Amino acid sequence: MKSIGIIGGGFAGMMTAVHLIELTNQPISISIFEKSGIIGKGIAYNAYSNRQLLNVIAGKMSAFPDNPAHFIDWVIKQQGYGEKDSDLIKNSFLPRNLFGDYLQDIWRETVSVASKKGIIINVIHEEVIRMKHLEGVVTLETASLKHFQFNKCILASGNLLPRNPKIKNLNFYASPNYYRNPWKSNSVENLTTKPVLIIGNGLTMVDTVVGLMEKGFKNKIYAISPNGFNILPHRHNGLAYEKLIPELVGKTELREITQIVYKHIKSVREFGISAEPIIDALRPHTQQIWRNFTSEDKALFMRRFRHLWGVARHRIPMQIHDKIQQLRIDGRLQIIAGKLIEITEKSDGIKVNYFDKKNKTQEEISVERVINCTGPESDIELLENNYLKFALYDGLLNQDDLKLGLSVDIPTHTLLNANGLKNEGLYALGSFLKGELWESTAINELRSQAQNLAKIIITS
């Protein structure tokens, strides 16, 4: 019997298992290692707030690449949605918790199908701490020192915790008032009347602010990042722009591509339209554009355009954007463009010293809690006691030059070792492919990767 291990039970890991079960005609064994024990939701769709919304309209959120209406068909069967107009639902930003419920329904149906087909499913509520690959067998060791062996193993453990910002007083990061994991509900719970500091001004910051408001937090929120707040709302949903891509055909250099993109942005702005339709037109082609870049162009993009792309690419629903802006107008949310210098915990609170880029001054604020929303770490060498780091040191894994992800043979999803050779039977998808594909974390990418990888494993 073919035995398959999947590290991570979020969207990517679950959907790979779903397709494996759907495609196979032979009994197989699938073991999913998910510390939380919750299959499907992962971090992204196990939201602690009912007001945290998807950042993509519902019509584009199907879990199945071959059935684009699958999510919408499920939604209209849920209480409170059946009487709504389906086109309205299709173009709405629905709660992330609702999407998590959708994924769990898929999993429940899949477990039933697996039972009828004689497929064994094991959900292991433990963390993987070591991984070995020898003579075609992958061995995983868990925190309880149990060992599991597989013919095939898939790395789908998703986003890692944020990096701790550089400050002098590293002891602060052991404080119970420092929350490195902003995706847990305790990061926004049990607060008193003192202000809160959020490190980072991206999508996770927005979710955290929404969570704080839902929990009834009344005091001031500070949010600091090098560039300040630049998040854009979705303003032109459904507006297709068709003139950009034909002009990009055959272009592989970053300089050429940016010139063309900026030309088209200028063109639409003449009609009072912002750049979003240009970015949306470019989005389906970004993986191939990235793969055509030289190493030098990739490095230049990361230095000069990464932040700009992030702002244009990662937009939020208009109603959430309006709430954030209103909090700023009311003085409840202060956005700081600056750099942290020091964080020190004292008896009367946490003292935060930072350099204010706008005023060119050093400032100090006092807060009750610090929440790290700087985004997932990608450099495996900086991880602490992680199976990926040990595998990297063992030469089993290798990182891309920019340390955005792992070295992977893209057509087969096979991981490469330190010598650039394939680890047959060892695969990866999702955020681990970011170095090879740049864009590899959205639903439209993950659902296709999960289906393709399942086909590869079943036929190998």
Protein backbone atom coordinates (compact mmCIF):
# COMPACT_ATOMS: atom_id res chain seq x y z
CA MET A 1 0.00 0.00 0.00
CA LYS A 2 1.31 3.45 -0.94
CA SER A 3 1.82 5.53 2.21
CA ILE A 4 1.75 9.32 1.97
CA GLY A 5 2.64 11.83 4.69
CA ILE A 6 1.46 15.44 4.53
CA ILE A 7 3.02 18.00 6.85
CA GLY A 8 0.37 20.67 7.34
CA GLY A 9 -3.42 20.41 7.36
CA GLY A 10 -4.31 23.85 6.00
CA PHE A 11 -5.81 24.54 2.58
CA ALA A 12 -2.86 23.25 0.53
CA GLY A 13 -2.33 20.07 2.53
CA MET A 14 -6.03 19.28 2.79
CA MET A 15 -6.80 19.86 -0.88
CA THR A 16 -3.85 17.69 -1.93
CA ALA A 17 -5.32 14.90 0.21
CA VAL A 18 -8.78 15.55 -1.29
CA HIS A 19 -7.46 15.11 -4.83
CA LEU A 20 -5.38 12.06 -3.87
CA ILE A 21 -8.50 10.39 -2.52
CA GLU A 22 -10.55 11.41 -5.55
CA LEU A 23 -7.99 10.22 -8.12
CA THR A 24 -6.78 6.96 -6.66
CA ASN A 25 -8.26 3.58 -7.60
CA GLN A 26 -6.05 1.71 -5.15
CA PRO A 27 -6.05 1.61 -1.34
CA ILE A 28 -3.57 4.13 0.04
CA SER A 29 -2.69 5.47 3.46
CA ILE A 30 -2.61 9.24 4.08
CA SER A 31 -1.27 10.72 7.32
CA ILE A 32 -1.71 14.45 7.91
CA PHE A 33 0.45 16.08 10.56
CA GLU A 34 -1.47 19.05 11.95
CA LYS A 35 -0.67 20.19 15.45
CA SER A 36 -4.02 21.96 15.90
CA GLY A 37 -5.92 18.88 14.79
CA ILE A 38 -8.15 21.10 12.63
CA ILE A 39 -8.03 20.10 8.96
CA GLY A 40 -8.69 22.67 6.25
CA LYS A 41 -8.82 26.00 8.01
CA GLY A 42 -5.12 26.48 8.72
CA ILE A 43 -4.12 29.96 9.90
CA ALA A 44 -5.84 31.86 7.11
CA TYR A 45 -9.39 30.56 7.54
CA ASN A 46 -9.52 29.89 11.27
CA ALA A 47 -10.13 33.56 11.99
CA TYR A 48 -10.83 34.65 15.57
CA SER A 49 -13.12 37.45 14.36
CA ASN A 50 -16.36 37.12 12.39
CA ARG A 51 -15.60 40.51 10.84
CA GLN A 52 -12.37 39.46 9.17
CA LEU A 53 -13.18 39.20 5.48
CA LEU A 54 -11.69 37.44 2.49
CA ASN A 55 -9.61 39.77 0.35
CA VAL A 56 -10.89 38.16 -2.86
CA ILE A 57 -14.49 38.16 -4.06
CA ALA A 58 -16.41 34.96 -3.38
CA GLY A 59 -16.76 34.12 -7.07
CA LYS A 60 -13.04 33.49 -7.28
CA MET A 61 -12.71 31.38 -4.13
CA SER A 62 -13.68 27.89 -5.27
CA ALA A 63 -11.43 25.19 -3.82
CA PHE A 64 -11.56 23.29 -7.11
CA PRO A 65 -9.89 24.66 -10.28
CA ASP A 66 -12.28 22.68 -12.51
CA ASN A 67 -15.42 23.87 -10.72
CA PRO A 68 -15.29 27.67 -10.31
CA ALA A 69 -18.85 27.85 -8.92
CA HIS A 70 -18.26 25.29 -6.15
CA PHE A 71 -17.94 27.82 -3.31
CA ILE A 72 -20.89 29.94 -4.46
CA ASP A 73 -23.08 26.84 -4.81
CA TRP A 74 -22.17 25.92 -1.23
CA VAL A 75 -22.76 29.44 0.14
CA ILE A 76 -26.30 29.79 -1.18
CA LYS A 77 -27.23 26.62 0.72
CA GLN A 78 -26.13 28.14 4.03
CA GLN A 79 -28.48 29.83 6.47
CA GLY A 80 -28.94 33.51 5.70
CA TYR A 81 -27.64 33.30 2.13
CA GLY A 82 -30.28 31.31 0.24
CA GLU A 83 -32.59 34.30 -0.22
CA LYS A 84 -29.76 36.57 -1.42
CA ASP A 85 -29.01 37.34 -5.05
CA SER A 86 -26.32 34.91 -6.25
CA ASP A 87 -24.60 37.58 -8.36
CA LEU A 88 -24.38 39.81 -5.31
CA ILE A 89 -22.83 37.00 -3.28
CA LYS A 90 -20.45 36.19 -6.11
CA ASN A 91 -19.06 39.74 -6.07
CA SER A 92 -18.95 40.14 -2.28
CA PHE A 93 -16.12 39.76 0.23
CA LEU A 94 -17.42 37.11 2.60
CA PRO A 95 -16.22 36.25 6.13
CA ARG A 96 -13.08 34.18 6.34
CA ASN A 97 -14.73 31.96 8.95
CA LEU A 98 -17.42 31.09 6.42
CA PHE A 99 -14.78 29.94 3.96
CA GLY A 100 -13.22 27.87 6.74
CA ASP A 101 -16.59 26.16 7.30
CA TYR A 102 -16.75 25.47 3.56
CA LEU A 103 -13.36 23.76 3.65
CA GLN A 104 -14.34 21.63 6.61
CA ASP A 105 -17.48 20.51 4.77
CA ILE A 106 -15.27 19.45 1.86
CA TRP A 107 -13.11 17.48 4.26
CA ARG A 108 -16.05 15.73 5.90
CA GLU A 109 -17.32 14.63 2.48
CA THR A 110 -13.83 13.47 1.52
CA VAL A 111 -13.43 11.38 4.67
CA SER A 112 -16.69 9.64 3.80
CA VAL A 113 -15.49 8.92 0.26
CA ALA A 114 -12.16 7.62 1.58
CA SER A 115 -13.92 5.16 3.87
CA LYS A 116 -15.91 3.73 0.96
CA LYS A 117 -12.74 3.34 -1.13
CA GLY A 118 -10.76 1.62 1.63
CA ILE A 119 -8.37 4.56 2.06
CA ILE A 120 -6.81 5.00 5.48
CA ILE A 121 -6.65 8.56 6.84
CA ASN A 122 -4.68 9.41 9.97
CA VAL A 123 -4.72 12.92 11.46
CA ILE A 124 -1.73 13.24 13.77
CA HIS A 125 -2.08 16.07 16.30
CA GLU A 126 1.64 16.58 16.66
CA GLU A 127 4.40 18.81 15.40
CA VAL A 128 7.07 17.36 13.11
CA ILE A 129 10.52 18.13 14.50
CA ARG A 130 12.80 16.07 12.21
CA MET A 131 12.73 14.74 8.66
CA LYS A 132 15.03 12.16 7.04
CA HIS A 133 15.09 10.78 3.51
CA LEU A 134 17.01 7.56 2.89
CA GLU A 135 16.71 4.99 0.11
CA GLY A 136 13.29 6.18 -1.00
CA VAL A 137 11.81 6.26 2.50
CA VAL A 138 10.88 9.50 4.29
CA THR A 139 10.99 9.32 8.08
CA LEU A 140 9.25 11.95 10.18
CA GLU A 141 9.84 12.37 13.90
CA THR A 142 7.28 14.18 16.03
CA ALA A 143 7.58 16.12 19.28
CA SER A 144 6.64 13.01 21.25
CA LEU A 145 9.62 11.22 19.62
CA LYS A 146 7.39 8.94 17.55
CA HIS A 147 8.65 7.94 14.09
CA PHE A 148 6.56 7.55 10.94
CA GLN A 149 7.75 6.27 7.55
CA PHE A 150 6.30 7.04 4.12
CA ASN A 151 6.88 6.31 0.43
CA LYS A 152 5.86 9.88 -0.37
CA CYS A 153 5.89 13.04 1.74
CA ILE A 154 4.46 16.49 1.03
CA LEU A 155 5.58 19.71 2.70
CA ALA A 156 2.50 21.91 3.06
CA SER A 157 3.11 23.56 6.42
CA GLY A 158 2.31 27.02 5.07
CA ASN A 159 3.36 30.34 6.52
CA LEU A 160 5.91 30.52 9.32
CA LEU A 161 5.88 32.90 12.29
CA PRO A 162 7.09 36.47 11.73
CA ARG A 163 10.71 37.41 12.36
CA ASN A 164 11.47 39.27 15.58
CA PRO A 165 12.45 42.86 14.68
CA LYS A 166 15.99 43.97 15.47
CA ILE A 167 16.22 45.73 18.82
CA LYS A 168 18.94 45.85 21.46
CA ASN A 169 16.90 44.27 24.25
CA LEU A 170 16.26 40.76 22.89
CA ASN A 171 15.02 39.69 26.33
CA PHE A 172 11.77 41.51 25.58
CA TYR A 173 10.77 38.76 23.17
CA ALA A 174 10.32 36.40 26.14
CA SER A 175 7.70 38.74 27.63
CA PRO A 176 4.10 37.48 27.94
CA ASN A 177 3.06 40.87 26.58
CA TYR A 178 4.79 40.24 23.25
CA TYR A 179 2.67 38.34 20.74
CA ARG A 180 4.73 36.92 17.92
CA ASN A 181 1.79 34.98 16.50
CA PRO A 182 -0.84 37.56 15.49
CA TRP A 183 -3.16 34.88 14.09
CA LYS A 184 -4.09 33.53 17.52
CA SER A 185 -7.09 35.00 19.29
CA ASN A 186 -5.15 35.63 22.50
CA SER A 187 -3.24 38.39 20.73
CA VAL A 188 -6.35 40.62 20.89
CA GLU A 189 -7.92 39.39 24.12
CA ASN A 190 -7.78 40.41 27.80
CA LEU A 191 -6.61 43.98 27.25
CA THR A 192 -7.10 46.84 29.70
CA THR A 193 -7.13 50.57 28.98
CA LYS A 194 -3.57 51.13 27.78
CA PRO A 195 -2.53 51.53 24.14
CA VAL A 196 -1.31 48.69 21.93
CA LEU A 197 1.56 48.64 19.43
CA ILE A 198 1.31 46.65 16.20
CA ILE A 199 4.56 46.10 14.31
CA GLY A 200 3.72 46.09 10.61
CA ASN A 201 1.20 47.93 8.45
CA GLY A 202 -0.01 45.23 6.06
CA LEU A 203 -2.97 42.88 5.79
CA THR A 204 -2.27 41.19 9.13
CA MET A 205 -2.27 44.57 10.85
CA VAL A 206 -5.70 45.26 9.37
CA ASP A 207 -7.03 41.91 10.61
CA THR A 208 -5.58 42.58 14.06
CA VAL A 209 -7.19 46.01 14.27
CA VAL A 210 -10.53 44.50 13.23
CA GLY A 211 -10.10 41.83 15.90
CA LEU A 212 -9.28 44.41 18.57
CA MET A 213 -12.38 46.42 17.70
CA GLU A 214 -14.59 43.33 17.84
CA LYS A 215 -13.22 42.52 21.29
CA GLY A 216 -14.26 45.97 22.45
CA PHE A 217 -10.81 47.55 22.72
CA LYS A 218 -11.30 51.29 23.36
CA ASN A 219 -7.79 52.72 23.59
CA LYS A 220 -5.29 53.89 21.02
CA ILE A 221 -3.54 51.60 18.56
CA TYR A 222 -0.11 52.43 17.18
CA ALA A 223 1.12 50.68 14.04
CA ILE A 224 4.72 51.10 12.89
CA SER A 225 6.50 50.02 9.72
CA PRO A 226 9.28 51.41 7.50
CA ASN A 227 6.81 52.73 4.92
CA GLY A 228 3.69 53.51 6.90
CA PHE A 229 0.19 52.58 5.78
CA ASN A 230 -0.16 52.06 2.03
CA ILE A 231 -2.93 49.46 1.76
CA LEU A 232 -5.38 50.09 -1.06
CA PRO A 233 -9.05 49.09 -1.25
CA HIS A 234 -10.64 47.12 -4.08
CA ARG A 235 -12.09 49.88 -6.23
CA HIS A 236 -12.59 48.48 -9.73
CA ASN A 237 -13.93 44.93 -9.33
CA GLY A 238 -14.79 43.37 -12.67
CA LEU A 239 -13.06 46.02 -14.78
CA ALA A 240 -10.98 44.11 -17.33
CA TYR A 241 -7.97 45.71 -19.01
CA GLU A 242 -6.81 43.94 -22.17
CA LYS A 243 -4.13 46.15 -23.70
CA LEU A 244 -1.25 45.35 -21.33
CA ILE A 245 -0.49 41.66 -21.88
CA PRO A 246 -0.11 41.73 -25.70
CA GLU A 247 2.58 44.38 -25.28
CA LEU A 248 4.47 42.23 -22.77
CA VAL A 249 4.80 39.23 -25.08
CA GLY A 250 8.47 38.34 -25.50
CA LYS A 251 9.62 40.77 -22.80
CA THR A 252 11.77 39.21 -20.07
CA GLU A 253 13.79 42.05 -18.57
CA LEU A 254 12.57 43.83 -15.46
CA ARG A 255 13.40 47.24 -16.92
CA GLU A 256 11.31 46.66 -20.05
CA ILE A 257 8.36 45.26 -18.13
CA THR A 258 8.24 48.06 -15.55
CA GLN A 259 8.37 50.69 -18.29
CA ILE A 260 5.42 49.11 -20.08
CA VAL A 261 3.41 48.66 -16.88
CA TYR A 262 3.98 52.27 -15.81
CA LYS A 263 2.93 53.47 -19.26
CA HIS A 264 -0.40 51.68 -18.97
CA ILE A 265 -0.94 52.87 -15.41
CA LYS A 266 -0.48 56.43 -16.63
CA SER A 267 -2.94 55.76 -19.44
CA VAL A 268 -5.78 54.58 -17.18
CA ARG A 269 -5.16 57.38 -14.70
CA GLU A 270 -6.04 59.85 -17.44
CA PHE A 271 -9.59 58.50 -17.10
CA GLY A 272 -9.62 58.75 -13.31
CA ILE A 273 -8.97 55.03 -12.81
CA SER A 274 -6.28 53.80 -10.43
CA ALA A 275 -3.73 51.09 -11.22
CA GLU A 276 -5.68 48.07 -9.94
CA PRO A 277 -6.96 46.87 -13.35
CA ILE A 278 -3.38 46.90 -14.64
CA ILE A 279 -2.21 44.79 -11.70
CA ASP A 280 -5.15 42.41 -12.11
CA ALA A 281 -4.31 41.97 -15.80
CA LEU A 282 -0.68 41.27 -14.93
CA ARG A 283 -1.46 38.91 -12.04
CA PRO A 284 -2.12 35.65 -14.01
CA HIS A 285 1.25 36.05 -15.75
CA THR A 286 3.47 36.92 -12.79
CA GLN A 287 4.79 33.40 -12.23
CA GLN A 288 6.07 33.09 -15.78
CA ILE A 289 7.47 36.63 -15.74
CA TRP A 290 9.31 35.85 -12.49
CA ARG A 291 10.74 32.61 -13.88
CA ASN A 292 12.06 34.46 -16.93
CA PHE A 293 13.92 37.01 -14.80
CA THR A 294 17.64 36.68 -14.31
CA SER A 295 18.95 36.36 -10.76
CA GLU A 296 20.03 40.00 -10.97
CA ASP A 297 16.55 41.16 -11.99
CA LYS A 298 14.94 39.16 -9.18
CA ALA A 299 17.28 40.75 -6.65
CA LEU A 300 16.60 44.21 -8.10
CA PHE A 301 12.85 43.63 -7.91
CA MET A 302 13.15 42.68 -4.24
CA ARG A 303 15.14 45.83 -3.48
CA ARG A 304 13.14 48.37 -5.45
CA PHE A 305 9.69 47.06 -6.27
CA ARG A 306 8.71 44.45 -3.69
CA HIS A 307 6.88 46.92 -1.47
CA LEU A 308 5.16 48.64 -4.39
CA TRP A 309 3.98 45.31 -5.76
CA GLY A 310 2.69 44.30 -2.33
CA VAL A 311 0.65 47.50 -2.04
CA ALA A 312 -0.85 47.13 -5.51
CA ARG A 313 -1.38 43.39 -5.25
CA HIS A 314 -2.75 42.95 -1.70
CA ARG A 315 -5.88 45.06 -1.45
CA ILE A 316 -8.72 44.95 1.06
CA PRO A 317 -12.51 45.30 0.85
CA MET A 318 -13.67 48.90 0.67
CA GLN A 319 -15.75 48.64 3.86
CA ILE A 320 -12.71 47.47 5.85
CA HIS A 321 -10.56 50.21 4.32
CA ASP A 322 -13.18 52.80 5.33
CA LYS A 323 -13.17 51.53 8.93
CA ILE A 324 -9.39 51.78 9.12
CA GLN A 325 -9.44 55.30 7.73
CA GLN A 326 -12.18 56.34 10.18
CA LEU A 327 -10.12 55.03 13.09
CA ARG A 328 -7.25 57.19 11.86
CA ILE A 329 -9.49 60.25 11.56
CA ASP A 330 -10.81 59.65 15.08
CA GLY A 331 -7.28 59.38 16.45
CA ARG A 332 -7.84 55.78 17.54
CA LEU A 333 -5.23 54.43 15.10
CA GLN A 334 -1.91 56.19 14.57
CA ILE A 335 0.18 55.00 11.64
CA ILE A 336 3.92 55.54 12.05
CA ALA A 337 6.49 55.39 9.28
CA GLY A 338 9.60 54.61 11.24
CA LYS A 339 12.09 52.15 12.68
CA LEU A 340 12.08 50.48 16.07
CA ILE A 341 15.11 51.25 18.23
CA GLU A 342 14.31 49.65 21.58
CA ILE A 343 11.48 47.97 23.49
CA THR A 344 11.75 47.75 27.27
CA GLU A 345 9.20 46.38 29.69
CA LYS A 346 8.86 48.23 32.97
CA SER A 347 6.47 48.08 35.92
CA ASP A 348 4.25 50.79 34.46
CA GLY A 349 4.13 49.41 30.92
CA ILE A 350 6.20 48.80 27.81
CA LYS A 351 8.41 51.66 26.62
CA VAL A 352 8.93 51.74 22.86
CA ASN A 353 11.59 53.96 21.31
CA TYR A 354 11.55 54.50 17.57
CA PHE A 355 12.83 56.79 14.85
CA ASP A 356 10.07 58.77 13.14
CA LYS A 357 10.93 59.01 9.44
CA LYS A 358 8.52 61.86 8.77
CA ASN A 359 9.72 64.16 11.54
CA LYS A 360 13.31 62.85 11.62
CA THR A 361 13.12 62.55 15.39
CA GLN A 362 13.42 59.84 18.03
CA GLU A 363 10.14 59.28 19.86
CA GLU A 364 8.85 57.21 22.78
CA ILE A 365 5.44 55.71 23.43
CA SER A 366 4.08 53.59 26.27
CA VAL A 367 1.91 50.56 25.50
CA GLU A 368 0.45 47.50 27.19
CA ARG A 369 1.12 44.97 24.46
CA VAL A 370 3.19 44.49 21.29
CA ILE A 371 1.79 42.38 18.44
CA ASN A 372 4.08 41.33 15.59
CA CYS A 373 2.29 41.65 12.24
CA THR A 374 5.36 41.92 10.00
CA GLY A 375 4.48 38.87 7.92
CA PRO A 376 5.77 35.29 7.72
CA GLU A 377 9.48 34.51 7.89
CA SER A 378 10.89 32.94 4.72
CA ASP A 379 14.58 32.47 5.58
CA ILE A 380 14.73 28.96 7.01
CA GLU A 381 18.15 29.55 8.53
CA LEU A 382 16.56 32.05 10.93
CA LEU A 383 13.99 29.60 12.27
CA GLU A 384 14.26 28.18 15.77
CA ASN A 385 14.16 24.40 16.33
CA ASN A 386 12.24 23.75 13.13
CA TYR A 387 12.29 20.56 11.05
CA LEU A 388 12.98 22.63 7.94
CA LYS A 389 16.10 24.17 9.46
CA PHE A 390 17.47 20.77 10.51
CA ALA A 391 16.77 19.36 7.04
CA LEU A 392 18.54 22.34 5.49
CA TYR A 393 21.62 21.78 7.66
CA ASP A 394 21.54 18.07 6.78
CA GLY A 395 21.67 18.96 3.09
CA LEU A 396 18.26 17.42 2.46
CA LEU A 397 16.77 20.78 1.48
CA ASN A 398 18.11 23.86 -0.25
CA GLN A 399 16.89 27.45 -0.39
CA ASP A 400 16.62 29.68 -3.43
CA ASP A 401 19.20 32.46 -3.75
CA LEU A 402 16.88 35.11 -2.27
CA LYS A 403 15.77 32.81 0.57
CA LEU A 404 12.12 33.23 -0.27
CA GLY A 405 11.39 29.52 -0.22
CA LEU A 406 12.89 26.12 -1.08
CA SER A 407 14.60 24.88 -4.22
CA VAL A 408 11.99 22.85 -6.08
CA ASP A 409 11.75 21.21 -9.49
CA ILE A 410 8.57 23.04 -10.51
CA PRO A 411 7.10 20.61 -13.06
CA THR A 412 7.20 17.74 -10.57
CA HIS A 413 7.02 19.66 -7.25
CA THR A 414 10.05 17.61 -6.17
CA LEU A 415 12.35 19.14 -3.56
CA LEU A 416 16.02 19.54 -4.44
CA ASN A 417 18.86 18.80 -2.03
CA ALA A 418 22.00 20.86 -1.37
CA ASN A 419 23.63 19.34 -4.50
CA GLY A 420 20.70 20.31 -6.71
CA LEU A 421 19.51 16.70 -7.04
CA LYS A 422 15.90 15.57 -6.73
CA ASN A 423 14.69 14.01 -3.50
CA GLU A 424 12.43 11.47 -5.17
CA GLY A 425 9.21 11.11 -3.20
CA LEU A 426 9.63 14.39 -1.33
CA TYR A 427 7.41 17.23 -2.54
CA ALA A 428 6.39 20.79 -1.68
CA LEU A 429 3.74 23.32 -2.63
CA GLY A 430 2.39 26.68 -1.55
CA SER A 431 4.64 29.22 0.16
CA PHE A 432 7.67 26.92 -0.24
CA LEU A 433 7.56 27.61 -3.99
CA LYS A 434 7.73 31.39 -3.61
CA GLY A 435 11.40 31.58 -4.59
CA GLU A 436 10.66 29.73 -7.82
CA LEU A 437 7.29 31.32 -8.65
CA TRP A 438 7.08 34.50 -6.54
CA GLU A 439 3.26 34.30 -6.36
CA SER A 440 2.40 31.00 -4.68
CA THR A 441 0.10 31.61 -1.72
CA ALA A 442 -3.30 32.64 -3.11
CA ILE A 443 -6.21 30.21 -3.49
CA ASN A 444 -6.08 30.19 -7.30
CA GLU A 445 -2.46 29.01 -7.17
CA LEU A 446 -2.81 26.60 -4.26
CA ARG A 447 -5.85 24.80 -5.66
CA SER A 448 -4.09 24.12 -8.98
CA GLN A 449 -0.88 23.06 -7.27
CA ALA A 450 -2.78 20.64 -5.02
CA GLN A 451 -4.55 19.04 -7.96
CA ASN A 452 -1.38 18.79 -10.07
CA LEU A 453 0.68 17.34 -7.24
CA ALA A 454 -1.97 14.72 -6.48
CA LYS A 455 -1.89 13.62 -10.14
CA ILE A 456 1.90 13.35 -10.04
CA ILE A 457 1.88 11.23 -6.88
CA ILE A 458 -0.92 8.91 -8.02
CA THR A 459 0.78 8.21 -11.35
CA SER A 460 4.33 7.81 -9.99
